Amino acid sequence: MLAQSVKPAPVDDLRAEQNAYVKQIGIAYWMKLVREGVPKSDARTIAAAIAKYDVAKRPPSSEQKALIVHYSPLICRAQLWRTSLLLD
């Protein structure tokens, strides 16, 4: 008997597509932050937070907020500042 192929639900497809996009722009954001002088590990955390905020409107964690506040001048120079990022 042939196994039936199970198609992923459209919601799963959308989520996978969204995750791929977050990863793609997160890498671009990370490069901008590192170029402006943010240490690589902190840049990764900040880039992920901003990318998730841009794509899914997910607010940053308290750890991410603290890094964003700390590096706010460099984030602005990288043109990644979002006015409402810290309001949630």
PDB file of N, CA and C in Angstrom:
ATOM      1  N   MET A   1       0.837  -1.184   0.000  1.00  0.00           N
ATOM      2  CA  MET A   1       0.000   0.000   0.000  1.00  0.00           C
ATOM      3  C   MET A   1       0.886   1.253   0.000  1.00  0.00           C
ATOM      4  N   LEU A   2       0.545   2.202  -0.814  1.00  0.00           N
ATOM      5  CA  LEU A   2       1.316   3.432  -0.916  1.00  0.00           C
ATOM      6  C   LEU A   2       0.987   4.366   0.242  1.00  0.00           C
ATOM      7  N   ALA A   3       2.019   4.947   0.788  1.00  0.00           N
ATOM      8  CA  ALA A   3       1.809   5.912   1.868  1.00  0.00           C
ATOM      9  C   ALA A   3       1.315   7.218   1.264  1.00  0.00           C
ATOM     10  N   GLN A   4       0.354   7.795   1.910  1.00  0.00           N
ATOM     11  CA  GLN A   4      -0.163   9.078   1.438  1.00  0.00           C
ATOM     12  C   GLN A   4       0.759  10.185   1.923  1.00  0.00           C
ATOM     13  N   SER A   5       1.020  11.104   1.034  1.00  0.00           N
ATOM     14  CA  SER A   5       1.840  12.232   1.456  1.00  0.00           C
ATOM     15  C   SER A   5       0.948  13.233   2.182  1.00  0.00           C
ATOM     16  N   VAL A   6       1.475  13.728   3.254  1.00  0.00           N
ATOM     17  CA  VAL A   6       0.727  14.685   4.063  1.00  0.00           C
ATOM     18  C   VAL A   6       1.233  16.076   3.728  1.00  0.00           C
ATOM     19  N   LYS A   7       0.339  16.913   3.288  1.00  0.00           N
ATOM     20  CA  LYS A   7       0.706  18.290   2.979  1.00  0.00           C
ATOM     21  C   LYS A   7       0.695  19.104   4.264  1.00  0.00           C
ATOM     22  N   PRO A   8       1.715  19.925   4.462  1.00  0.00           N
ATOM     23  CA  PRO A   8       1.705  20.770   5.651  1.00  0.00           C
ATOM     24  C   PRO A   8       0.562  21.778   5.582  1.00  0.00           C
ATOM     25  N   ALA A   9       0.054  22.108   6.729  1.00  0.00           N
ATOM     26  CA  ALA A   9      -1.032  23.082   6.798  1.00  0.00           C
ATOM     27  C   ALA A   9      -0.523  24.435   6.308  1.00  0.00           C
ATOM     28  N   PRO A  10      -1.393  25.240   5.709  1.00  0.00           N
ATOM     29  CA  PRO A  10      -0.968  26.568   5.242  1.00  0.00           C
ATOM     30  C   PRO A  10      -0.350  27.415   6.352  1.00  0.00           C
ATOM     31  N   VAL A  11      -0.833  27.243   7.580  1.00  0.00           N
ATOM     32  CA  VAL A  11      -0.281  28.002   8.704  1.00  0.00           C
ATOM     33  C   VAL A  11       1.179  27.622   8.918  1.00  0.00           C
ATOM     34  N   ASP A  12       1.483  26.311   8.806  1.00  0.00           N
ATOM     35  CA  ASP A  12       2.864  25.861   8.962  1.00  0.00           C
ATOM     36  C   ASP A  12       3.751  26.427   7.861  1.00  0.00           C
ATOM     37  N   ASP A  13       3.229  26.457   6.638  1.00  0.00           N
ATOM     38  CA  ASP A  13       3.983  27.037   5.520  1.00  0.00           C
ATOM     39  C   ASP A  13       4.279  28.511   5.775  1.00  0.00           C
ATOM     40  N   LEU A  14       3.278  29.227   6.240  1.00  0.00           N
ATOM     41  CA  LEU A  14       3.442  30.652   6.512  1.00  0.00           C
ATOM     42  C   LEU A  14       4.472  30.869   7.612  1.00  0.00           C
ATOM     43  N   ARG A  15       4.383  30.063   8.659  1.00  0.00           N
ATOM     44  CA  ARG A  15       5.326  30.197   9.773  1.00  0.00           C
ATOM     45  C   ARG A  15       6.753  29.901   9.309  1.00  0.00           C
ATOM     46  N   ALA A  16       6.926  28.863   8.503  1.00  0.00           N
ATOM     47  CA  ALA A  16       8.257  28.524   7.994  1.00  0.00           C
ATOM     48  C   ALA A  16       8.795  29.642   7.104  1.00  0.00           C
ATOM     49  N   GLU A  17       7.932  30.193   6.280  1.00  0.00           N
ATOM     50  CA  GLU A  17       8.328  31.299   5.406  1.00  0.00           C
ATOM     51  C   GLU A  17       8.715  32.524   6.235  1.00  0.00           C
ATOM     52  N   GLN A  18       7.933  32.793   7.269  1.00  0.00           N
ATOM     53  CA  GLN A  18       8.202  33.925   8.149  1.00  0.00           C
ATOM     54  C   GLN A  18       9.531  33.724   8.882  1.00  0.00           C
ATOM     55  N   ASN A  19       9.768  32.501   9.380  1.00  0.00           N
ATOM     56  CA  ASN A  19      11.025  32.212  10.077  1.00  0.00           C
ATOM     57  C   ASN A  19      12.227  32.379   9.156  1.00  0.00           C
ATOM     58  N   ALA A  20      12.087  31.938   7.915  1.00  0.00           N
ATOM     59  CA  ALA A  20      13.179  32.083   6.949  1.00  0.00           C
ATOM     60  C   ALA A  20      13.459  33.561   6.677  1.00  0.00           C
ATOM     61  N   TYR A  21      12.408  34.360   6.599  1.00  0.00           N
ATOM     62  CA  TYR A  21      12.573  35.792   6.352  1.00  0.00           C
ATOM     63  C   TYR A  21      13.225  36.477   7.557  1.00  0.00           C
ATOM     64  N   VAL A  22      12.809  36.093   8.768  1.00  0.00           N
ATOM     65  CA  VAL A  22      13.420  36.651   9.982  1.00  0.00           C
ATOM     66  C   VAL A  22      14.912  36.344   9.988  1.00  0.00           C
ATOM     67  N   LYS A  23      15.264  35.122   9.643  1.00  0.00           N
ATOM     68  CA  LYS A  23      16.675  34.735   9.616  1.00  0.00           C
ATOM     69  C   LYS A  23      17.444  35.555   8.578  1.00  0.00           C
ATOM     70  N   GLN A  24      16.855  35.720   7.409  1.00  0.00           N
ATOM     71  CA  GLN A  24      17.505  36.463   6.320  1.00  0.00           C
ATOM     72  C   GLN A  24      17.759  37.919   6.711  1.00  0.00           C
ATOM     73  N   ILE A  25      16.741  38.594   7.221  1.00  0.00           N
ATOM     74  CA  ILE A  25      16.958  40.003   7.573  1.00  0.00           C
ATOM     75  C   ILE A  25      17.774  40.124   8.854  1.00  0.00           C
ATOM     76  N   GLY A  26      17.672  39.120   9.730  1.00  0.00           N
ATOM     77  CA  GLY A  26      18.486  39.121  10.945  1.00  0.00           C
ATOM     78  C   GLY A  26      19.972  39.131  10.623  1.00  0.00           C
ATOM     79  N   ILE A  27      20.357  38.385   9.611  1.00  0.00           N
ATOM     80  CA  ILE A  27      21.764  38.361   9.190  1.00  0.00           C
ATOM     81  C   ILE A  27      22.188  39.735   8.672  1.00  0.00           C
ATOM     82  N   ALA A  28      21.339  40.350   7.881  1.00  0.00           N
ATOM     83  CA  ALA A  28      21.650  41.690   7.363  1.00  0.00           C
ATOM     84  C   ALA A  28      21.750  42.694   8.512  1.00  0.00           C
ATOM     85  N   TYR A  29      20.830  42.609   9.471  1.00  0.00           N
ATOM     86  CA  TYR A  29      20.866  43.509  10.627  1.00  0.00           C
ATOM     87  C   TYR A  29      22.137  43.275  11.445  1.00  0.00           C
ATOM     88  N   TRP A  30      22.498  42.006  11.657  1.00  0.00           N
ATOM     89  CA  TRP A  30      23.696  41.662  12.412  1.00  0.00           C
ATOM     90  C   TRP A  30      24.927  42.300  11.768  1.00  0.00           C
ATOM     91  N   MET A  31      25.033  42.196  10.455  1.00  0.00           N
ATOM     92  CA  MET A  31      26.186  42.776   9.753  1.00  0.00           C
ATOM     93  C   MET A  31      26.245  44.288   9.945  1.00  0.00           C
ATOM     94  N   LYS A  32      25.101  44.956   9.876  1.00  0.00           N
ATOM     95  CA  LYS A  32      25.068  46.410  10.084  1.00  0.00           C
ATOM     96  C   LYS A  32      25.525  46.768  11.497  1.00  0.00           C
ATOM     97  N   LEU A  33      25.051  46.005  12.483  1.00  0.00           N
ATOM     98  CA  LEU A  33      25.399  46.289  13.873  1.00  0.00           C
ATOM     99  C   LEU A  33      26.884  46.057  14.143  1.00  0.00           C
ATOM    100  N   VAL A  34      27.421  44.968  13.632  1.00  0.00           N
ATOM    101  CA  VAL A  34      28.846  44.673  13.811  1.00  0.00           C
ATOM    102  C   VAL A  34      29.686  45.754  13.140  1.00  0.00           C
ATOM    103  N   ARG A  35      29.265  46.186  11.970  1.00  0.00           N
ATOM    104  CA  ARG A  35      29.971  47.250  11.241  1.00  0.00           C
ATOM    105  C   ARG A  35      30.024  48.535  12.073  1.00  0.00           C
ATOM    106  N   GLU A  36      28.992  48.785  12.872  1.00  0.00           N
ATOM    107  CA  GLU A  36      28.954  50.004  13.696  1.00  0.00           C
ATOM    108  C   GLU A  36      29.670  49.840  15.033  1.00  0.00           C
ATOM    109  N   GLY A  37      30.135  48.618  15.342  1.00  0.00           N
ATOM    110  CA  GLY A  37      30.924  48.426  16.555  1.00  0.00           C
ATOM    111  C   GLY A  37      30.263  47.637  17.666  1.00  0.00           C
ATOM    112  N   VAL A  38      29.095  47.081  17.440  1.00  0.00           N
ATOM    113  CA  VAL A  38      28.451  46.244  18.452  1.00  0.00           C
ATOM    114  C   VAL A  38      29.173  44.898  18.467  1.00  0.00           C
ATOM    115  N   PRO A  39      29.554  44.396  19.651  1.00  0.00           N
ATOM    116  CA  PRO A  39      30.195  43.078  19.714  1.00  0.00           C
ATOM    117  C   PRO A  39      29.308  42.005  19.070  1.00  0.00           C
ATOM    118  N   LYS A  40      29.948  41.030  18.434  1.00  0.00           N
ATOM    119  CA  LYS A  40      29.226  40.048  17.627  1.00  0.00           C
ATOM    120  C   LYS A  40      28.108  39.328  18.376  1.00  0.00           C
ATOM    121  N   SER A  41      28.363  38.879  19.599  1.00  0.00           N
ATOM    122  CA  SER A  41      27.320  38.129  20.319  1.00  0.00           C
ATOM    123  C   SER A  41      26.143  39.030  20.682  1.00  0.00           C
ATOM    124  N   ASP A  42      26.417  40.253  21.096  1.00  0.00           N
ATOM    125  CA  ASP A  42      25.332  41.187  21.405  1.00  0.00           C
ATOM    126  C   ASP A  42      24.596  41.599  20.129  1.00  0.00           C
ATOM    127  N   ALA A  43      25.340  41.761  19.049  1.00  0.00           N
ATOM    128  CA  ALA A  43      24.719  42.119  17.765  1.00  0.00           C
ATOM    129  C   ALA A  43      23.752  41.031  17.320  1.00  0.00           C
ATOM    130  N   ARG A  44      24.108  39.789  17.563  1.00  0.00           N
ATOM    131  CA  ARG A  44      23.228  38.667  17.182  1.00  0.00           C
ATOM    132  C   ARG A  44      21.908  38.743  17.947  1.00  0.00           C
ATOM    133  N   THR A  45      21.996  38.986  19.244  1.00  0.00           N
ATOM    134  CA  THR A  45      20.797  39.079  20.081  1.00  0.00           C
ATOM    135  C   THR A  45      19.927  40.256  19.659  1.00  0.00           C
ATOM    136  N   ILE A  46      20.545  41.393  19.434  1.00  0.00           N
ATOM    137  CA  ILE A  46      19.808  42.598  19.043  1.00  0.00           C
ATOM    138  C   ILE A  46      19.198  42.436  17.653  1.00  0.00           C
ATOM    139  N   ALA A  47      19.969  41.905  16.718  1.00  0.00           N
ATOM    140  CA  ALA A  47      19.472  41.716  15.349  1.00  0.00           C
ATOM    141  C   ALA A  47      18.266  40.787  15.335  1.00  0.00           C
ATOM    142  N   ALA A  48      18.328  39.715  16.113  1.00  0.00           N
ATOM    143  CA  ALA A  48      17.199  38.778  16.181  1.00  0.00           C
ATOM    144  C   ALA A  48      15.967  39.473  16.742  1.00  0.00           C
ATOM    145  N   ALA A  49      16.153  40.278  17.783  1.00  0.00           N
ATOM    146  CA  ALA A  49      15.021  40.978  18.396  1.00  0.00           C
ATOM    147  C   ALA A  49      14.375  41.953  17.410  1.00  0.00           C
ATOM    148  N   ILE A  50      15.187  42.718  16.708  1.00  0.00           N
ATOM    149  CA  ILE A  50      14.649  43.703  15.769  1.00  0.00           C
ATOM    150  C   ILE A  50      13.988  43.012  14.580  1.00  0.00           C
ATOM    151  N   ALA A  51      14.599  41.956  14.087  1.00  0.00           N
ATOM    152  CA  ALA A  51      14.014  41.219  12.956  1.00  0.00           C
ATOM    153  C   ALA A  51      12.663  40.620  13.341  1.00  0.00           C
ATOM    154  N   LYS A  52      12.578  40.022  14.522  1.00  0.00           N
ATOM    155  CA  LYS A  52      11.308  39.437  14.970  1.00  0.00           C
ATOM    156  C   LYS A  52      10.262  40.524  15.190  1.00  0.00           C
ATOM    157  N   TYR A  53      10.704  41.675  15.650  1.00  0.00           N
ATOM    158  CA  TYR A  53       9.778  42.791  15.827  1.00  0.00           C
ATOM    159  C   TYR A  53       9.269  43.289  14.473  1.00  0.00           C
ATOM    160  N   ASP A  54      10.174  43.425  13.523  1.00  0.00           N
ATOM    161  CA  ASP A  54       9.788  43.914  12.194  1.00  0.00           C
ATOM    162  C   ASP A  54       8.831  42.963  11.488  1.00  0.00           C
ATOM    163  N   VAL A  55       9.076  41.667  11.589  1.00  0.00           N
ATOM    164  CA  VAL A  55       8.290  40.685  10.845  1.00  0.00           C
ATOM    165  C   VAL A  55       7.019  40.288  11.578  1.00  0.00           C
ATOM    166  N   ALA A  56       7.130  40.012  12.875  1.00  0.00           N
ATOM    167  CA  ALA A  56       5.990  39.451  13.614  1.00  0.00           C
ATOM    168  C   ALA A  56       5.464  40.370  14.713  1.00  0.00           C
ATOM    169  N   LYS A  57       6.013  41.574  14.824  1.00  0.00           N
ATOM    170  CA  LYS A  57       5.633  42.524  15.883  1.00  0.00           C
ATOM    171  C   LYS A  57       5.787  41.902  17.274  1.00  0.00           C
ATOM    172  N   ARG A  58       6.774  41.019  17.398  1.00  0.00           N
ATOM    173  CA  ARG A  58       7.048  40.376  18.684  1.00  0.00           C
ATOM    174  C   ARG A  58       7.952  41.290  19.503  1.00  0.00           C
ATOM    175  N   PRO A  59       7.519  41.697  20.695  1.00  0.00           N
ATOM    176  CA  PRO A  59       8.344  42.603  21.502  1.00  0.00           C
ATOM    177  C   PRO A  59       9.594  41.891  22.024  1.00  0.00           C
ATOM    178  N   PRO A  60      10.660  42.628  22.231  1.00  0.00           N
ATOM    179  CA  PRO A  60      11.893  42.014  22.727  1.00  0.00           C
ATOM    180  C   PRO A  60      11.766  41.590  24.187  1.00  0.00           C
ATOM    181  N   SER A  61      12.585  40.621  24.576  1.00  0.00           N
ATOM    182  CA  SER A  61      12.636  40.177  25.971  1.00  0.00           C
ATOM    183  C   SER A  61      13.311  41.268  26.804  1.00  0.00           C
ATOM    184  N   SER A  62      13.289  41.112  28.111  1.00  0.00           N
ATOM    185  CA  SER A  62      13.922  42.115  28.974  1.00  0.00           C
ATOM    186  C   SER A  62      15.433  42.159  28.733  1.00  0.00           C
ATOM    187  N   GLU A  63      16.055  41.004  28.475  1.00  0.00           N
ATOM    188  CA  GLU A  63      17.489  40.971  28.166  1.00  0.00           C
ATOM    189  C   GLU A  63      17.770  41.718  26.860  1.00  0.00           C
ATOM    190  N   GLN A  64      16.934  41.481  25.862  1.00  0.00           N
ATOM    191  CA  GLN A  64      17.105  42.156  24.578  1.00  0.00           C
ATOM    192  C   GLN A  64      16.888  43.658  24.721  1.00  0.00           C
ATOM    193  N   LYS A  65      15.881  44.051  25.504  1.00  0.00           N
ATOM    194  CA  LYS A  65      15.629  45.483  25.726  1.00  0.00           C
ATOM    195  C   LYS A  65      16.836  46.161  26.358  1.00  0.00           C
ATOM    196  N   ALA A  66      17.444  45.491  27.345  1.00  0.00           N
ATOM    197  CA  ALA A  66      18.612  46.069  28.017  1.00  0.00           C
ATOM    198  C   ALA A  66      19.757  46.288  27.026  1.00  0.00           C
ATOM    199  N   LEU A  67      19.980  45.323  26.142  1.00  0.00           N
ATOM    200  CA  LEU A  67      21.030  45.476  25.131  1.00  0.00           C
ATOM    201  C   LEU A  67      20.685  46.590  24.146  1.00  0.00           C
ATOM    202  N   ILE A  68      19.422  46.673  23.773  1.00  0.00           N
ATOM    203  CA  ILE A  68      18.986  47.715  22.837  1.00  0.00           C
ATOM    204  C   ILE A  68      19.211  49.098  23.444  1.00  0.00           C
ATOM    205  N   VAL A  69      18.869  49.256  24.710  1.00  0.00           N
ATOM    206  CA  VAL A  69      19.091  50.539  25.390  1.00  0.00           C
ATOM    207  C   VAL A  69      20.591  50.843  25.451  1.00  0.00           C
ATOM    208  N   HIS A  70      21.372  49.847  25.826  1.00  0.00           N
ATOM    209  CA  HIS A  70      22.822  50.033  25.968  1.00  0.00           C
ATOM    210  C   HIS A  70      23.480  50.458  24.653  1.00  0.00           C
ATOM    211  N   TYR A  71      23.069  49.835  23.563  1.00  0.00           N
ATOM    212  CA  TYR A  71      23.689  50.104  22.262  1.00  0.00           C
ATOM    213  C   TYR A  71      22.847  51.025  21.379  1.00  0.00           C
ATOM    214  N   SER A  72      21.922  51.765  21.963  1.00  0.00           N
ATOM    215  CA  SER A  72      21.008  52.579  21.151  1.00  0.00           C
ATOM    216  C   SER A  72      21.711  53.540  20.185  1.00  0.00           C
ATOM    217  N   PRO A  73      22.804  54.206  20.570  1.00  0.00           N
ATOM    218  CA  PRO A  73      23.454  55.085  19.582  1.00  0.00           C
ATOM    219  C   PRO A  73      23.967  54.320  18.354  1.00  0.00           C
ATOM    220  N   LEU A  74      24.516  53.133  18.589  1.00  0.00           N
ATOM    221  CA  LEU A  74      25.030  52.340  17.470  1.00  0.00           C
ATOM    222  C   LEU A  74      23.893  51.759  16.634  1.00  0.00           C
ATOM    223  N   ILE A  75      22.798  51.418  17.287  1.00  0.00           N
ATOM    224  CA  ILE A  75      21.620  50.917  16.565  1.00  0.00           C
ATOM    225  C   ILE A  75      21.067  52.025  15.673  1.00  0.00           C
ATOM    226  N   CYS A  76      21.040  53.238  16.188  1.00  0.00           N
ATOM    227  CA  CYS A  76      20.590  54.380  15.370  1.00  0.00           C
ATOM    228  C   CYS A  76      21.512  54.591  14.179  1.00  0.00           C
ATOM    229  N   ARG A  77      22.822  54.530  14.424  1.00  0.00           N
ATOM    230  CA  ARG A  77      23.779  54.711  13.325  1.00  0.00           C
ATOM    231  C   ARG A  77      23.637  53.635  12.257  1.00  0.00           C
ATOM    232  N   ALA A  78      23.236  52.431  12.689  1.00  0.00           N
ATOM    233  CA  ALA A  78      23.020  51.333  11.736  1.00  0.00           C
ATOM    234  C   ALA A  78      21.659  51.453  11.052  1.00  0.00           C
ATOM    235  N   GLN A  79      20.908  52.486  11.411  1.00  0.00           N
ATOM    236  CA  GLN A  79      19.566  52.752  10.867  1.00  0.00           C
ATOM    237  C   GLN A  79      18.599  51.610  11.162  1.00  0.00           C
ATOM    238  N   LEU A  80      18.702  51.054  12.379  1.00  0.00           N
ATOM    239  CA  LEU A  80      17.828  49.959  12.789  1.00  0.00           C
ATOM    240  C   LEU A  80      16.937  50.339  13.970  1.00  0.00           C
ATOM    241  N   TRP A  81      16.980  51.601  14.373  1.00  0.00           N
ATOM    242  CA  TRP A  81      16.169  52.013  15.513  1.00  0.00           C
ATOM    243  C   TRP A  81      14.696  52.000  15.146  1.00  0.00           C
ATOM    244  N   ARG A  82      13.879  51.463  16.034  1.00  0.00           N
ATOM    245  CA  ARG A  82      12.425  51.441  15.880  1.00  0.00           C
ATOM    246  C   ARG A  82      11.846  52.151  17.097  1.00  0.00           C
ATOM    247  N   THR A  83      11.163  53.258  16.880  1.00  0.00           N
ATOM    248  CA  THR A  83      10.653  54.078  17.974  1.00  0.00           C
ATOM    249  C   THR A  83       9.820  53.275  18.960  1.00  0.00           C
ATOM    250  N   SER A  84       8.968  52.411  18.467  1.00  0.00           N
ATOM    251  CA  SER A  84       8.058  51.669  19.347  1.00  0.00           C
ATOM    252  C   SER A  84       8.655  50.371  19.881  1.00  0.00           C
ATOM    253  N   LEU A  85       9.904  50.088  19.583  1.00  0.00           N
ATOM    254  CA  LEU A  85      10.530  48.824  19.972  1.00  0.00           C
ATOM    255  C   LEU A  85      10.548  48.613  21.482  1.00  0.00           C
ATOM    256  N   LEU A  86      10.767  49.656  22.240  1.00  0.00           N
ATOM    257  CA  LEU A  86      10.875  49.526  23.690  1.00  0.00           C
ATOM    258  C   LEU A  86       9.593  49.892  24.426  1.00  0.00           C
ATOM    259  N   LEU A  87       8.539  50.205  23.708  1.00  0.00           N
ATOM    260  CA  LEU A  87       7.299  50.635  24.350  1.00  0.00           C
ATOM    261  C   LEU A  87       6.426  49.484  24.824  1.00  0.00           C
ATOM    262  N   ASP A  88       6.578  48.317  24.236  1.00  0.00           N
ATOM    263  CA  ASP A  88       5.719  47.182  24.603  1.00  0.00           C
ATOM    264  C   ASP A  88       6.092  46.610  25.944  1.00  0.00           C
TER     265      ASP A  88
END
